[in-house]
Amino acid sequence: MSNYERTGHTVVRGTALYYRRSLHCGPINIPPLTNMEATGCRLAMTGHSTLVIVSVYLPSPKRLLRRDLRALFALGDAVILFGDFN
């Protein structure tokens, strides 16, 4: 995703996840968020419960909202959030 500032420079932002194909990982639908962008996947591990991994981007000067965090933590019992929280 990109947008243009008044100066004409392209600003690129967003989130991504990279993982080995040998991992049992699948994309998940992220609920609508107010101030964050996020990409997530479920990682199935043999002998363990499923882990949800979410890459997060909080554009500056947006504020970190509890409702966004609650929506992401509701994606599973074991959720890891990482990324740019500004």
N, C-alpha and C. Protein backbone atom coordinates (compact mmCIF):
# COMPACT_ATOMS: atom_id res chain seq x y z
N MET A 1 0.84 -1.15 0.00
CA MET A 1 0.00 0.00 0.00
C MET A 1 0.90 1.23 0.00
N SER A 2 0.51 2.22 -0.69
CA SER A 2 1.29 3.46 -0.68
C SER A 2 0.35 4.64 -0.81
N ASN A 3 0.85 5.78 -0.38
CA ASN A 3 0.12 7.02 -0.59
C ASN A 3 1.13 8.12 -0.86
N TYR A 4 0.65 9.29 -1.23
CA TYR A 4 1.53 10.38 -1.61
C TYR A 4 1.36 11.55 -0.67
N GLU A 5 2.48 12.08 -0.18
CA GLU A 5 2.44 13.27 0.65
C GLU A 5 2.41 14.50 -0.26
N ARG A 6 2.23 15.64 0.34
CA ARG A 6 2.18 16.89 -0.44
C ARG A 6 3.48 17.14 -1.20
N THR A 7 4.59 16.61 -0.70
CA THR A 7 5.87 16.84 -1.36
C THR A 7 6.02 15.98 -2.61
N GLY A 8 5.12 15.03 -2.81
CA GLY A 8 5.21 14.17 -3.97
C GLY A 8 5.99 12.89 -3.73
N HIS A 9 6.56 12.71 -2.54
CA HIS A 9 7.31 11.49 -2.23
C HIS A 9 6.34 10.36 -1.91
N THR A 10 6.68 9.17 -2.32
CA THR A 10 5.86 8.01 -2.02
C THR A 10 6.17 7.52 -0.61
N VAL A 11 5.13 7.28 0.17
CA VAL A 11 5.28 6.73 1.51
C VAL A 11 4.74 5.30 1.46
N VAL A 12 5.56 4.34 1.82
CA VAL A 12 5.14 2.95 1.81
C VAL A 12 5.07 2.46 3.24
N ARG A 13 3.96 1.85 3.58
CA ARG A 13 3.80 1.30 4.92
C ARG A 13 2.96 0.04 4.83
N GLY A 14 2.87 -0.66 5.92
CA GLY A 14 2.08 -1.86 5.96
C GLY A 14 2.78 -2.94 6.75
N THR A 15 2.30 -4.16 6.61
CA THR A 15 2.85 -5.27 7.37
C THR A 15 3.07 -6.47 6.47
N ALA A 16 3.91 -7.37 6.94
CA ALA A 16 4.18 -8.61 6.19
C ALA A 16 4.67 -9.68 7.15
N LEU A 17 4.50 -10.91 6.76
CA LEU A 17 5.04 -12.07 7.48
C LEU A 17 5.73 -12.96 6.47
N TYR A 18 6.90 -13.42 6.82
CA TYR A 18 7.62 -14.38 5.99
C TYR A 18 7.86 -15.62 6.82
N TYR A 19 7.67 -16.80 6.22
CA TYR A 19 7.91 -18.04 6.94
C TYR A 19 8.30 -19.12 5.95
N ARG A 20 8.97 -20.14 6.47
CA ARG A 20 9.37 -21.27 5.64
C ARG A 20 8.15 -22.07 5.21
N ARG A 21 8.19 -22.54 4.01
CA ARG A 21 7.07 -23.35 3.51
C ARG A 21 6.91 -24.65 4.29
N SER A 22 7.99 -25.10 4.91
CA SER A 22 7.92 -26.35 5.66
C SER A 22 7.14 -26.19 6.98
N LEU A 23 6.91 -24.97 7.41
CA LEU A 23 6.11 -24.75 8.61
C LEU A 23 4.63 -24.90 8.27
N HIS A 24 3.88 -25.36 9.22
CA HIS A 24 2.43 -25.51 9.02
C HIS A 24 1.77 -24.19 9.43
N CYS A 25 1.84 -23.22 8.52
CA CYS A 25 1.36 -21.87 8.81
C CYS A 25 0.32 -21.48 7.77
N GLY A 26 -0.74 -20.86 8.24
CA GLY A 26 -1.78 -20.42 7.32
C GLY A 26 -2.26 -19.02 7.66
N PRO A 27 -2.64 -18.24 6.67
CA PRO A 27 -3.10 -16.87 6.92
C PRO A 27 -4.41 -16.85 7.68
N ILE A 28 -4.65 -15.77 8.40
CA ILE A 28 -5.91 -15.59 9.12
C ILE A 28 -6.51 -14.23 8.73
N ASN A 29 -7.80 -14.14 8.92
CA ASN A 29 -8.48 -12.86 8.69
C ASN A 29 -8.33 -12.00 9.92
N ILE A 30 -7.85 -10.79 9.72
CA ILE A 30 -7.70 -9.83 10.82
C ILE A 30 -8.99 -9.01 10.90
N PRO A 31 -9.55 -8.86 12.10
CA PRO A 31 -10.77 -8.04 12.21
C PRO A 31 -10.46 -6.58 11.89
N PRO A 32 -11.48 -5.79 11.58
CA PRO A 32 -11.25 -4.37 11.31
C PRO A 32 -10.61 -3.68 12.52
N LEU A 33 -9.56 -2.91 12.27
CA LEU A 33 -8.86 -2.19 13.31
C LEU A 33 -9.00 -0.70 13.06
N THR A 34 -8.97 0.10 14.11
CA THR A 34 -9.16 1.54 13.98
C THR A 34 -7.87 2.25 13.58
N ASN A 35 -6.78 2.02 14.31
CA ASN A 35 -5.55 2.77 14.08
C ASN A 35 -4.38 1.92 13.61
N MET A 36 -4.50 0.62 13.57
CA MET A 36 -3.40 -0.27 13.22
C MET A 36 -3.61 -0.96 11.89
N GLU A 37 -2.51 -1.38 11.32
CA GLU A 37 -2.53 -2.31 10.20
C GLU A 37 -1.90 -3.60 10.72
N ALA A 38 -2.38 -4.74 10.26
CA ALA A 38 -1.87 -6.00 10.78
C ALA A 38 -2.02 -7.12 9.76
N THR A 39 -1.09 -8.07 9.83
CA THR A 39 -1.11 -9.29 9.04
C THR A 39 -0.82 -10.43 10.00
N GLY A 40 -1.56 -11.52 9.88
CA GLY A 40 -1.35 -12.61 10.84
C GLY A 40 -1.43 -13.98 10.22
N CYS A 41 -0.92 -14.96 10.98
CA CYS A 41 -1.02 -16.36 10.56
C CYS A 41 -1.14 -17.24 11.79
N ARG A 42 -1.67 -18.44 11.57
CA ARG A 42 -1.72 -19.47 12.61
C ARG A 42 -0.62 -20.46 12.32
N LEU A 43 0.16 -20.77 13.34
CA LEU A 43 1.26 -21.71 13.23
C LEU A 43 0.91 -22.95 14.03
N ALA A 44 0.69 -24.07 13.33
CA ALA A 44 0.37 -25.33 13.99
C ALA A 44 1.68 -26.04 14.31
N MET A 45 1.85 -26.41 15.57
CA MET A 45 3.08 -27.08 16.01
C MET A 45 2.75 -28.45 16.56
N THR A 46 3.48 -29.45 16.14
CA THR A 46 3.27 -30.80 16.61
C THR A 46 3.51 -30.86 18.12
N GLY A 47 2.55 -31.38 18.84
CA GLY A 47 2.69 -31.53 20.29
C GLY A 47 2.40 -30.27 21.08
N HIS A 48 2.00 -29.20 20.41
CA HIS A 48 1.71 -27.94 21.10
C HIS A 48 0.44 -27.33 20.53
N SER A 49 -0.10 -26.36 21.23
CA SER A 49 -1.29 -25.69 20.72
C SER A 49 -0.91 -24.76 19.58
N THR A 50 -1.91 -24.31 18.86
CA THR A 50 -1.70 -23.40 17.74
C THR A 50 -1.28 -22.02 18.25
N LEU A 51 -0.32 -21.43 17.57
CA LEU A 51 0.20 -20.12 17.92
C LEU A 51 -0.23 -19.12 16.85
N VAL A 52 -0.72 -17.96 17.26
CA VAL A 52 -1.09 -16.91 16.33
C VAL A 52 0.01 -15.85 16.37
N ILE A 53 0.56 -15.53 15.19
CA ILE A 53 1.62 -14.54 15.08
C ILE A 53 1.09 -13.39 14.24
N VAL A 54 1.25 -12.15 14.76
CA VAL A 54 0.68 -10.98 14.09
C VAL A 54 1.75 -9.90 13.96
N SER A 55 1.96 -9.45 12.73
CA SER A 55 2.83 -8.33 12.43
C SER A 55 1.98 -7.06 12.44
N VAL A 56 2.41 -6.05 13.21
CA VAL A 56 1.61 -4.86 13.45
C VAL A 56 2.35 -3.61 13.00
N TYR A 57 1.60 -2.65 12.45
CA TYR A 57 2.15 -1.33 12.14
C TYR A 57 1.17 -0.29 12.66
N LEU A 58 1.67 0.61 13.51
CA LEU A 58 0.89 1.72 14.03
C LEU A 58 1.47 3.00 13.47
N PRO A 59 0.82 3.59 12.46
CA PRO A 59 1.36 4.80 11.84
C PRO A 59 1.41 5.96 12.85
N SER A 60 2.47 6.72 12.78
CA SER A 60 2.59 7.92 13.61
C SER A 60 1.75 9.00 12.94
N PRO A 61 1.01 9.77 13.62
CA PRO A 61 0.89 10.00 15.05
C PRO A 61 -0.31 9.30 15.68
N LYS A 62 -0.80 8.22 15.08
CA LYS A 62 -1.96 7.50 15.60
C LYS A 62 -1.65 6.94 16.99
N ARG A 63 -2.69 6.85 17.81
CA ARG A 63 -2.54 6.34 19.17
C ARG A 63 -2.82 4.85 19.24
N LEU A 64 -2.15 4.18 20.13
CA LEU A 64 -2.38 2.76 20.39
C LEU A 64 -3.70 2.64 21.15
N LEU A 65 -4.66 1.94 20.56
CA LEU A 65 -5.99 1.81 21.17
C LEU A 65 -6.17 0.43 21.78
N ARG A 66 -6.78 0.39 22.96
CA ARG A 66 -7.05 -0.90 23.62
C ARG A 66 -7.96 -1.77 22.79
N ARG A 67 -8.92 -1.17 22.11
CA ARG A 67 -9.86 -1.98 21.32
C ARG A 67 -9.15 -2.70 20.17
N ASP A 68 -8.13 -2.06 19.59
CA ASP A 68 -7.33 -2.73 18.55
C ASP A 68 -6.57 -3.91 19.15
N LEU A 69 -5.95 -3.69 20.32
CA LEU A 69 -5.21 -4.78 20.98
C LEU A 69 -6.15 -5.92 21.37
N ARG A 70 -7.30 -5.58 21.93
CA ARG A 70 -8.27 -6.63 22.31
C ARG A 70 -8.69 -7.47 21.10
N ALA A 71 -8.92 -6.80 19.97
CA ALA A 71 -9.33 -7.52 18.76
C ALA A 71 -8.24 -8.48 18.31
N LEU A 72 -6.98 -8.08 18.43
CA LEU A 72 -5.88 -8.95 18.01
C LEU A 72 -5.66 -10.09 19.00
N PHE A 73 -5.73 -9.80 20.30
CA PHE A 73 -5.54 -10.86 21.29
C PHE A 73 -6.70 -11.85 21.30
N ALA A 74 -7.85 -11.48 20.77
CA ALA A 74 -8.99 -12.38 20.69
C ALA A 74 -8.85 -13.41 19.56
N LEU A 75 -7.78 -13.31 18.76
CA LEU A 75 -7.59 -14.24 17.64
C LEU A 75 -7.21 -15.65 18.09
N GLY A 76 -6.79 -15.82 19.34
CA GLY A 76 -6.41 -17.15 19.81
C GLY A 76 -5.97 -17.11 21.26
N ASP A 77 -5.65 -18.31 21.79
CA ASP A 77 -5.19 -18.41 23.18
C ASP A 77 -3.73 -18.00 23.32
N ALA A 78 -2.94 -18.22 22.30
CA ALA A 78 -1.51 -17.88 22.33
C ALA A 78 -1.23 -16.95 21.15
N VAL A 79 -1.11 -15.64 21.43
CA VAL A 79 -0.93 -14.63 20.39
C VAL A 79 0.36 -13.88 20.65
N ILE A 80 1.18 -13.74 19.61
CA ILE A 80 2.39 -12.93 19.68
C ILE A 80 2.21 -11.76 18.72
N LEU A 81 2.33 -10.54 19.25
CA LEU A 81 2.29 -9.33 18.45
C LEU A 81 3.70 -8.79 18.34
N PHE A 82 4.11 -8.40 17.13
CA PHE A 82 5.41 -7.78 16.94
C PHE A 82 5.30 -6.76 15.82
N GLY A 83 6.25 -5.85 15.78
CA GLY A 83 6.25 -4.88 14.69
C GLY A 83 6.57 -3.49 15.18
N ASP A 84 5.98 -2.50 14.50
CA ASP A 84 6.25 -1.10 14.75
C ASP A 84 5.05 -0.49 15.48
N PHE A 85 5.21 -0.29 16.80
CA PHE A 85 4.15 0.28 17.62
C PHE A 85 4.35 1.78 17.83
N ASN A 86 5.38 2.36 17.20
CA ASN A 86 5.70 3.79 17.36
C ASN A 86 5.60 4.20 18.80
